[in-house]
Amino acid sequence: MLSDERARIFYSDGDSVSLTVAETGLQFDRVISDLPSDVELLHPLLPKLPPDDRPNSEGETSSPLLAVKVTLFPNSGICIGFEFRHVAADGLAFNHFVKSWASICKSGGGDLSWVAKSPPCHDRELIEEHTELENSLLKTIGNYASHWDEDSRRRMLANKVRATFRIDGEHIKRMKASLANHNGSSKQSTPASAFTVASALLCTSLTRSPSSNKFNSGEDHIDCYVILVDCMGRLKPKLPATYSGNCLSGIQVLVKRSDLIGGNGFAIAARVIASKIREMEAEGLLRSAEKFFSLSGWQEIMKQGNILSVAGSPKLGVYETDFGWGNPRKSEPVHVDFYGSVYFSDARDKEKGGIEFGLALSKGEMDAFAAAFEQQLRRFSE
């Protein structure tokens, strides 16, 4: 429920979630492919949230939080599509909910041991109340929601393809070692995370894409990468791993293009990302989140022009979900089609480990990025 003052999650007896069951003639192998495909290929597999209720006498508007669509591929597989509002949960919290549901489904409804072992934590008082942050978020969301309509959605999808890329565990290990060697005596106090090195590789690959219009503005141009950061383990005291809600902040990584395309581009990107995260922690997570999510903060980010946001995490464990049919063959974050973002998750191949990510670009930009990404990855293959 939204009002001019704040957002609240409201439930009353009899409330339900929209569920659609359908059948499709799409080829299952095509849908789960990592190769570039039209971004709209998957959209028929997604549910639509029911419309918002009209404002009541107090000016409050009720908005559904979740819709589910189950689509059958005859003799091939099943797709479960979700649309949910981020106001209810971040990626970690939502995936915990899905895993809880999956464990109950797998047992036929009779085994609640997984849920009992890992119950969701709904205690909002674990995070210090921060009125300024809440007000900043509501103003920012309201400002950008007012510019969001079906025409803008269609424009965002025009001539785009989506593809999935992987960085296996061995590559990540070598990237960390390369970064440690480069830093030498001035190395960071803590080793770089898989998320940091993967983000650095992504930044350098995008900048080096020779024919990418989105990121091709001259060597002196400043590229801007907006990276969302999970803060559950950074708060003091730490939040439970099963906290059900949002606990994210973000950093703005500004790097000169000439630095990223140079021989030390990967190390420079990783160092800037790690430095920004340390600055965020030193400033205080709630204070930094207030600045990051403020309307003025986003207006400053938008001035940078060439922007890409990085979200998700290898901690999500999306490929550990099992409804009783085995682990997923593919998980796709379809919102990357609209927002100009990259979404990280754990890798399907648990033996090789690592990270996979999906992104959407024009066909020419995707071809350029794929070539640059493979070239950068080969640096850490020997």
Protein backbone atom coordinates (compact mmCIF):
# COMPACT_ATOMS: atom_id res chain seq x y z
CA MET A 1 0.00 0.00 0.00
CA LEU A 2 1.45 3.35 -1.08
CA SER A 3 0.64 6.82 0.20
CA ASP A 4 2.33 10.20 0.08
CA GLU A 5 4.04 9.37 3.36
CA ARG A 6 5.29 5.79 3.17
CA ALA A 7 4.88 2.31 1.72
CA ARG A 8 3.47 -0.56 3.77
CA ILE A 9 3.00 -4.25 3.11
CA PHE A 10 -0.60 -5.06 3.97
CA TYR A 11 -2.33 -8.45 4.15
CA SER A 12 -5.89 -9.41 5.02
CA ASP A 13 -7.59 -12.80 5.12
CA GLY A 14 -8.63 -13.92 1.68
CA ASP A 15 -5.85 -12.14 -0.21
CA SER A 16 -4.31 -14.23 -2.97
CA VAL A 17 -1.64 -14.22 -5.65
CA SER A 18 -2.47 -14.10 -9.36
CA LEU A 19 -1.63 -17.47 -10.98
CA THR A 20 -1.79 -18.19 -14.72
CA VAL A 21 -1.32 -21.65 -16.27
CA ALA A 22 -0.59 -21.83 -20.00
CA GLU A 23 0.89 -23.94 -22.79
CA THR A 24 3.34 -22.72 -25.42
CA GLY A 25 4.57 -23.81 -28.83
CA LEU A 26 8.02 -22.27 -28.28
CA GLN A 27 11.00 -24.59 -28.57
CA PHE A 28 12.36 -25.35 -25.10
CA ASP A 29 15.99 -25.65 -26.28
CA ARG A 30 15.78 -22.22 -27.87
CA VAL A 31 14.41 -20.65 -24.70
CA ILE A 32 17.20 -22.02 -22.48
CA SER A 33 20.01 -21.21 -24.92
CA ASP A 34 22.77 -18.81 -23.86
CA LEU A 35 23.11 -17.47 -27.41
CA PRO A 36 21.75 -14.03 -28.33
CA SER A 37 18.00 -14.03 -28.97
CA ASP A 38 15.31 -11.38 -29.34
CA VAL A 39 14.57 -9.95 -25.90
CA GLU A 40 10.84 -10.40 -26.46
CA LEU A 41 11.14 -14.17 -26.89
CA LEU A 42 10.58 -14.77 -23.17
CA HIS A 43 7.98 -12.09 -22.52
CA PRO A 44 4.95 -14.35 -23.27
CA LEU A 45 6.18 -16.58 -20.43
CA LEU A 46 5.85 -13.76 -17.89
CA PRO A 47 2.75 -12.92 -15.84
CA LYS A 48 1.34 -9.44 -15.55
CA LEU A 49 0.68 -7.94 -12.16
CA PRO A 50 -2.98 -7.06 -11.65
CA PRO A 51 -3.66 -3.30 -11.90
CA ASP A 52 -3.40 -1.07 -8.86
CA ASP A 53 -6.56 -0.26 -6.94
CA ARG A 54 -7.90 3.26 -7.13
CA PRO A 55 -6.80 5.57 -4.30
CA ASN A 56 -9.02 5.33 -1.25
CA SER A 57 -10.46 8.26 0.72
CA GLU A 58 -7.09 8.74 2.43
CA GLY A 59 -5.20 8.88 -0.86
CA GLU A 60 -3.66 5.42 -0.44
CA THR A 61 -3.16 3.11 -3.41
CA SER A 62 -2.93 -0.68 -3.11
CA SER A 63 -0.58 -2.49 -5.50
CA PRO A 64 -0.28 -6.29 -5.85
CA LEU A 65 3.20 -7.56 -4.99
CA LEU A 66 3.46 -10.84 -6.89
CA ALA A 67 2.11 -12.67 -9.94
CA VAL A 68 3.07 -16.18 -11.13
CA LYS A 69 2.73 -17.86 -14.53
CA VAL A 70 3.40 -21.56 -15.14
CA THR A 71 3.90 -22.46 -18.80
CA LEU A 72 4.08 -26.00 -20.15
CA PHE A 73 6.39 -26.92 -23.03
CA PRO A 74 4.77 -30.23 -24.12
CA ASN A 75 7.16 -33.18 -23.69
CA SER A 76 10.02 -30.76 -22.95
CA GLY A 77 9.76 -28.77 -19.74
CA ILE A 78 8.04 -26.19 -17.59
CA CYS A 79 8.73 -22.49 -17.10
CA ILE A 80 7.77 -20.65 -13.92
CA GLY A 81 7.67 -16.91 -14.48
CA PHE A 82 7.46 -14.29 -11.73
CA GLU A 83 6.77 -10.61 -11.61
CA PHE A 84 7.19 -9.00 -8.22
CA ARG A 85 7.63 -5.54 -6.80
CA HIS A 86 11.06 -4.81 -5.42
CA VAL A 87 9.49 -2.90 -2.53
CA ALA A 88 8.67 -6.28 -0.94
CA ALA A 89 12.03 -8.02 -1.27
CA ASP A 90 15.45 -7.90 -2.87
CA GLY A 91 16.90 -10.74 -4.92
CA LEU A 92 18.22 -12.71 -1.95
CA ALA A 93 14.94 -12.48 -0.04
CA PHE A 94 12.82 -13.34 -3.07
CA ASN A 95 14.96 -16.36 -3.92
CA HIS A 96 14.66 -17.57 -0.33
CA PHE A 97 10.87 -17.36 -0.70
CA VAL A 98 10.99 -19.35 -3.96
CA LYS A 99 13.23 -22.01 -2.41
CA SER A 100 10.82 -22.34 0.52
CA TRP A 101 7.91 -22.79 -1.85
CA ALA A 102 9.92 -25.25 -3.97
CA SER A 103 10.85 -27.41 -0.98
CA ILE A 104 7.19 -27.69 0.06
CA CYS A 105 6.17 -28.48 -3.52
CA LYS A 106 8.87 -31.14 -3.87
CA SER A 107 7.66 -32.93 -0.74
CA GLY A 108 4.04 -32.87 -1.87
CA GLY A 109 3.18 -30.39 0.85
CA GLY A 110 3.92 -32.70 3.75
CA ASP A 111 7.51 -31.78 4.61
CA LEU A 112 8.17 -28.36 6.12
CA SER A 113 11.65 -29.23 7.40
CA TRP A 114 13.45 -26.87 5.00
CA VAL A 115 11.23 -23.97 6.00
CA ALA A 116 11.61 -24.85 9.69
CA LYS A 117 15.39 -25.00 9.29
CA SER A 118 15.56 -21.72 7.38
CA PRO A 119 12.53 -19.60 8.33
CA PRO A 120 12.19 -16.09 6.86
CA CYS A 121 12.98 -13.19 9.17
CA HIS A 122 10.41 -10.38 8.94
CA ASP A 123 11.74 -8.26 11.82
CA ARG A 124 12.09 -4.77 10.29
CA GLU A 125 13.36 -3.38 13.60
CA LEU A 126 16.70 -5.09 12.94
CA ILE A 127 17.46 -2.13 10.66
CA GLU A 128 17.53 1.26 12.33
CA GLU A 129 14.60 3.39 11.21
CA HIS A 130 15.83 6.06 8.85
CA THR A 131 13.09 8.50 7.85
CA GLU A 132 15.31 10.51 5.50
CA LEU A 133 16.23 7.39 3.53
CA GLU A 134 12.60 6.32 3.24
CA ASN A 135 11.55 9.77 2.05
CA SER A 136 14.39 9.86 -0.49
CA LEU A 137 13.35 6.51 -1.91
CA LEU A 138 9.68 7.47 -2.23
CA LYS A 139 10.53 10.74 -3.99
CA THR A 140 12.95 9.05 -6.39
CA ILE A 141 10.54 6.21 -7.20
CA GLY A 142 7.66 8.63 -7.69
CA ASN A 143 9.70 10.84 -10.02
CA TYR A 144 10.80 8.03 -12.32
CA ALA A 145 7.47 6.17 -12.18
CA SER A 146 5.78 9.26 -13.60
CA HIS A 147 7.89 8.89 -16.79
CA TRP A 148 7.25 5.15 -17.15
CA ASP A 149 4.58 4.08 -19.65
CA GLU A 150 3.99 1.42 -22.27
CA ASP A 151 5.51 3.52 -25.06
CA SER A 152 8.76 3.96 -23.15
CA ARG A 153 8.84 0.20 -22.49
CA ARG A 154 8.48 -0.53 -26.20
CA ARG A 155 11.26 1.89 -27.10
CA MET A 156 13.58 0.21 -24.62
CA LEU A 157 13.03 -3.17 -26.29
CA ALA A 158 13.54 -2.08 -29.89
CA ASN A 159 16.21 -4.08 -31.77
CA LYS A 160 17.60 -5.68 -28.61
CA VAL A 161 18.92 -9.18 -28.01
CA ARG A 162 19.65 -10.88 -24.70
CA ALA A 163 22.52 -13.32 -24.05
CA THR A 164 24.08 -15.15 -21.12
CA PHE A 165 27.82 -15.33 -20.39
CA ARG A 166 29.78 -17.39 -17.89
CA ILE A 167 32.97 -16.92 -15.89
CA ASP A 168 33.98 -20.24 -14.37
CA GLY A 169 35.60 -20.71 -10.98
CA GLU A 170 39.09 -21.24 -12.37
CA HIS A 171 38.98 -17.93 -14.24
CA ILE A 172 37.83 -16.14 -11.09
CA LYS A 173 40.68 -17.70 -9.10
CA ARG A 174 43.20 -16.51 -11.70
CA MET A 175 41.68 -13.02 -11.81
CA LYS A 176 42.01 -12.74 -8.03
CA ALA A 177 45.63 -13.91 -8.20
CA SER A 178 46.40 -11.45 -11.00
CA LEU A 179 44.89 -8.61 -9.00
CA ALA A 180 46.84 -9.54 -5.86
CA ASN A 181 50.09 -9.63 -7.86
CA HIS A 182 49.34 -6.26 -9.45
CA ASN A 183 48.57 -4.61 -6.11
CA GLY A 184 51.81 -5.92 -4.59
CA SER A 185 52.73 -4.28 -1.30
CA SER A 186 49.78 -1.89 -1.53
CA LYS A 187 47.23 -4.65 -1.85
CA GLN A 188 43.82 -4.30 -0.26
CA SER A 189 43.26 -5.29 3.34
CA THR A 190 40.89 -8.03 2.20
CA PRO A 191 41.09 -10.18 -0.95
CA ALA A 192 38.88 -9.16 -3.85
CA SER A 193 35.54 -10.96 -4.00
CA ALA A 194 34.27 -12.93 -6.98
CA PHE A 195 31.68 -10.20 -7.49
CA THR A 196 34.38 -7.49 -7.62
CA VAL A 197 36.60 -9.23 -10.17
CA ALA A 198 33.61 -10.25 -12.31
CA SER A 199 32.35 -6.65 -12.27
CA ALA A 200 35.81 -5.39 -13.23
CA LEU A 201 36.01 -7.83 -16.14
CA LEU A 202 32.56 -6.75 -17.28
CA CYS A 203 33.49 -3.04 -17.16
CA THR A 204 36.68 -3.49 -19.17
CA SER A 205 34.95 -5.75 -21.72
CA LEU A 206 32.17 -3.22 -22.32
CA THR A 207 34.61 -0.35 -22.65
CA ARG A 208 36.79 -2.32 -25.07
CA SER A 209 33.85 -3.29 -27.30
CA PRO A 210 35.12 -1.69 -30.54
CA SER A 211 31.78 -1.06 -32.27
CA SER A 212 29.55 -0.56 -29.25
CA ASN A 213 27.57 2.67 -29.71
CA LYS A 214 26.44 2.63 -26.09
CA PHE A 215 29.97 2.83 -24.71
CA ASN A 216 31.88 4.54 -27.52
CA SER A 217 32.41 8.23 -26.75
CA GLY A 218 36.15 8.79 -26.98
CA GLU A 219 39.06 7.83 -24.73
CA ASP A 220 38.69 10.88 -22.47
CA HIS A 221 35.07 10.12 -21.68
CA ILE A 222 34.15 9.00 -18.17
CA ASP A 223 32.23 5.72 -18.08
CA CYS A 224 29.74 5.28 -15.25
CA TYR A 225 28.91 1.90 -13.74
CA VAL A 226 26.26 1.75 -11.04
CA ILE A 227 26.73 -1.33 -8.87
CA LEU A 228 24.18 -2.48 -6.30
CA VAL A 229 25.76 -3.88 -3.14
CA ASP A 230 24.25 -6.38 -0.69
CA CYS A 231 24.50 -4.90 2.81
CA MET A 232 23.09 -7.69 4.99
CA GLY A 233 26.53 -8.85 6.06
CA ARG A 234 27.86 -5.29 6.34
CA LEU A 235 25.42 -3.94 8.92
CA LYS A 236 26.34 -4.12 12.59
CA PRO A 237 25.02 -6.39 13.87
CA LYS A 238 24.67 -8.44 10.69
CA LEU A 239 21.21 -9.32 9.46
CA PRO A 240 20.15 -12.98 9.33
CA ALA A 241 20.79 -14.58 5.94
CA THR A 242 17.04 -15.22 5.68
CA TYR A 243 16.03 -11.57 6.24
CA SER A 244 12.91 -10.97 4.14
CA GLY A 245 13.01 -7.46 2.74
CA ASN A 246 15.46 -5.12 1.05
CA CYS A 247 18.98 -4.47 2.25
CA LEU A 248 20.81 -2.90 -0.68
CA SER A 249 22.87 0.16 -1.30
CA GLY A 250 24.93 1.13 -4.31
CA ILE A 251 28.13 2.67 -5.55
CA GLN A 252 28.85 4.84 -8.55
CA VAL A 253 32.06 3.80 -10.32
CA LEU A 254 33.48 6.54 -12.54
CA VAL A 255 36.50 5.55 -14.63
CA LYS A 256 38.18 7.31 -17.53
CA ARG A 257 37.83 5.29 -20.72
CA SER A 258 41.54 5.55 -21.49
CA ASP A 259 42.31 3.88 -18.14
CA LEU A 260 39.97 0.97 -18.86
CA ILE A 261 41.25 0.28 -22.37
CA GLY A 262 44.87 0.37 -21.21
CA GLY A 263 46.85 -2.71 -20.24
CA ASN A 264 45.96 -2.31 -16.56
CA GLY A 265 42.26 -1.66 -17.17
CA PHE A 266 41.07 -4.72 -15.26
CA ALA A 267 43.19 -3.92 -12.19
CA ILE A 268 42.13 -0.26 -12.25
CA ALA A 269 38.44 -1.17 -12.44
CA ALA A 270 38.73 -3.70 -9.61
CA ARG A 271 40.63 -1.22 -7.44
CA VAL A 272 38.03 1.54 -7.97
CA ILE A 273 35.14 -0.84 -7.22
CA ALA A 274 36.76 -2.11 -4.01
CA SER A 275 37.65 1.46 -2.97
CA LYS A 276 34.07 2.66 -3.48
CA ILE A 277 32.71 -0.20 -1.38
CA ARG A 278 35.15 0.69 1.43
CA GLU A 279 34.07 4.34 1.21
CA MET A 280 30.44 3.27 1.48
CA GLU A 281 31.17 1.21 4.59
CA ALA A 282 33.23 4.00 6.18
CA GLU A 283 30.53 6.60 5.60
CA GLY A 284 27.87 4.39 7.13
CA LEU A 285 25.56 2.17 5.13
CA LEU A 286 22.33 4.03 5.84
CA ARG A 287 23.88 7.44 5.18
CA SER A 288 25.46 6.25 1.92
CA ALA A 289 22.19 4.60 0.86
CA GLU A 290 20.33 7.86 1.51
CA LYS A 291 22.69 9.71 -0.82
CA PHE A 292 22.74 6.97 -3.45
CA PHE A 293 18.95 6.58 -3.69
CA SER A 294 18.14 10.29 -3.40
CA LEU A 295 16.59 12.07 -6.36
CA SER A 296 19.55 14.44 -6.60
CA GLY A 297 21.90 11.45 -6.45
CA TRP A 298 20.19 9.77 -9.40
CA GLN A 299 20.00 13.02 -11.33
CA GLU A 300 23.77 13.32 -10.90
CA ILE A 301 24.22 9.75 -12.13
CA MET A 302 22.02 10.37 -15.18
CA LYS A 303 24.24 13.31 -16.17
CA GLN A 304 27.07 10.86 -16.85
CA GLY A 305 25.39 9.75 -20.06
CA ASN A 306 26.89 6.29 -20.62
CA ILE A 307 25.56 4.27 -17.70
CA LEU A 308 25.25 0.58 -16.98
CA SER A 309 23.97 -0.86 -13.71
CA VAL A 310 25.23 -4.12 -12.22
CA ALA A 311 22.95 -6.09 -9.91
CA GLY A 312 22.40 -9.61 -8.63
CA SER A 313 24.88 -11.82 -6.83
CA PRO A 314 26.46 -15.29 -7.06
CA LYS A 315 25.02 -15.76 -3.56
CA LEU A 316 21.48 -15.93 -4.94
CA GLY A 317 21.63 -19.69 -5.43
CA VAL A 318 18.98 -19.66 -8.17
CA TYR A 319 20.24 -22.99 -9.54
CA GLU A 320 19.78 -24.67 -6.16
CA THR A 321 15.98 -24.38 -6.44
CA ASP A 322 14.15 -27.69 -6.93
CA PHE A 323 10.36 -28.02 -7.21
CA GLY A 324 10.71 -31.78 -7.58
CA TRP A 325 11.78 -31.81 -11.22
CA GLY A 326 15.48 -31.22 -10.64
CA ASN A 327 17.47 -27.99 -10.76
CA PRO A 328 16.58 -25.31 -13.32
CA ARG A 329 18.06 -25.54 -16.79
CA LYS A 330 18.07 -21.74 -17.04
CA SER A 331 17.18 -18.70 -14.97
CA GLU A 332 16.63 -15.43 -16.82
CA PRO A 333 16.30 -11.97 -15.20
CA VAL A 334 14.06 -10.41 -17.83
CA HIS A 335 14.10 -6.92 -16.30
CA VAL A 336 17.59 -6.40 -17.82
CA ASP A 337 15.76 -5.92 -21.12
CA PHE A 338 14.39 -2.59 -19.94
CA TYR A 339 16.82 -1.03 -17.52
CA GLY A 340 20.21 -1.23 -19.21
CA SER A 341 21.58 -3.53 -16.55
CA VAL A 342 23.61 -6.69 -16.05
CA TYR A 343 22.44 -9.33 -13.61
CA PHE A 344 24.84 -11.74 -11.88
CA SER A 345 23.85 -15.14 -10.48
CA ASP A 346 25.47 -18.40 -9.47
CA ALA A 347 26.55 -20.73 -12.28
CA ARG A 348 24.61 -23.79 -13.42
CA ASP A 349 27.71 -25.96 -13.60
CA LYS A 350 28.46 -26.53 -9.91
CA GLU A 351 31.56 -28.55 -10.75
CA LYS A 352 33.19 -25.61 -12.53
CA GLY A 353 31.59 -23.03 -10.23
CA GLY A 354 31.83 -19.35 -10.99
CA ILE A 355 29.33 -16.73 -12.09
CA GLU A 356 27.00 -16.24 -15.01
CA PHE A 357 25.36 -13.03 -16.10
CA GLY A 358 22.76 -11.86 -18.57
CA LEU A 359 22.51 -8.57 -20.40
CA ALA A 360 20.57 -7.03 -23.27
CA LEU A 361 22.09 -4.89 -26.03
CA SER A 362 21.50 -4.16 -29.69
CA LYS A 363 22.70 -6.92 -32.03
CA GLY A 364 25.80 -4.95 -33.05
CA GLU A 365 26.65 -4.04 -29.47
CA MET A 366 26.21 -7.66 -28.35
CA ASP A 367 28.54 -8.98 -31.05
CA ALA A 368 31.16 -6.39 -30.08
CA PHE A 369 30.80 -7.16 -26.38
CA ALA A 370 31.02 -10.94 -26.89
CA ALA A 371 34.27 -10.57 -28.84
CA ALA A 372 35.79 -8.23 -26.23
CA PHE A 373 34.64 -10.44 -23.35
CA GLU A 374 36.20 -13.58 -24.86
CA GLN A 375 39.43 -11.67 -25.50
CA GLN A 376 39.57 -10.46 -21.90
CA LEU A 377 38.72 -13.90 -20.55
CA ARG A 378 41.58 -15.49 -22.52
CA ARG A 379 44.02 -13.35 -20.52
CA PHE A 380 43.13 -15.47 -17.50
CA SER A 381 43.04 -18.84 -19.28
CA GLU A 382 46.76 -19.59 -19.24
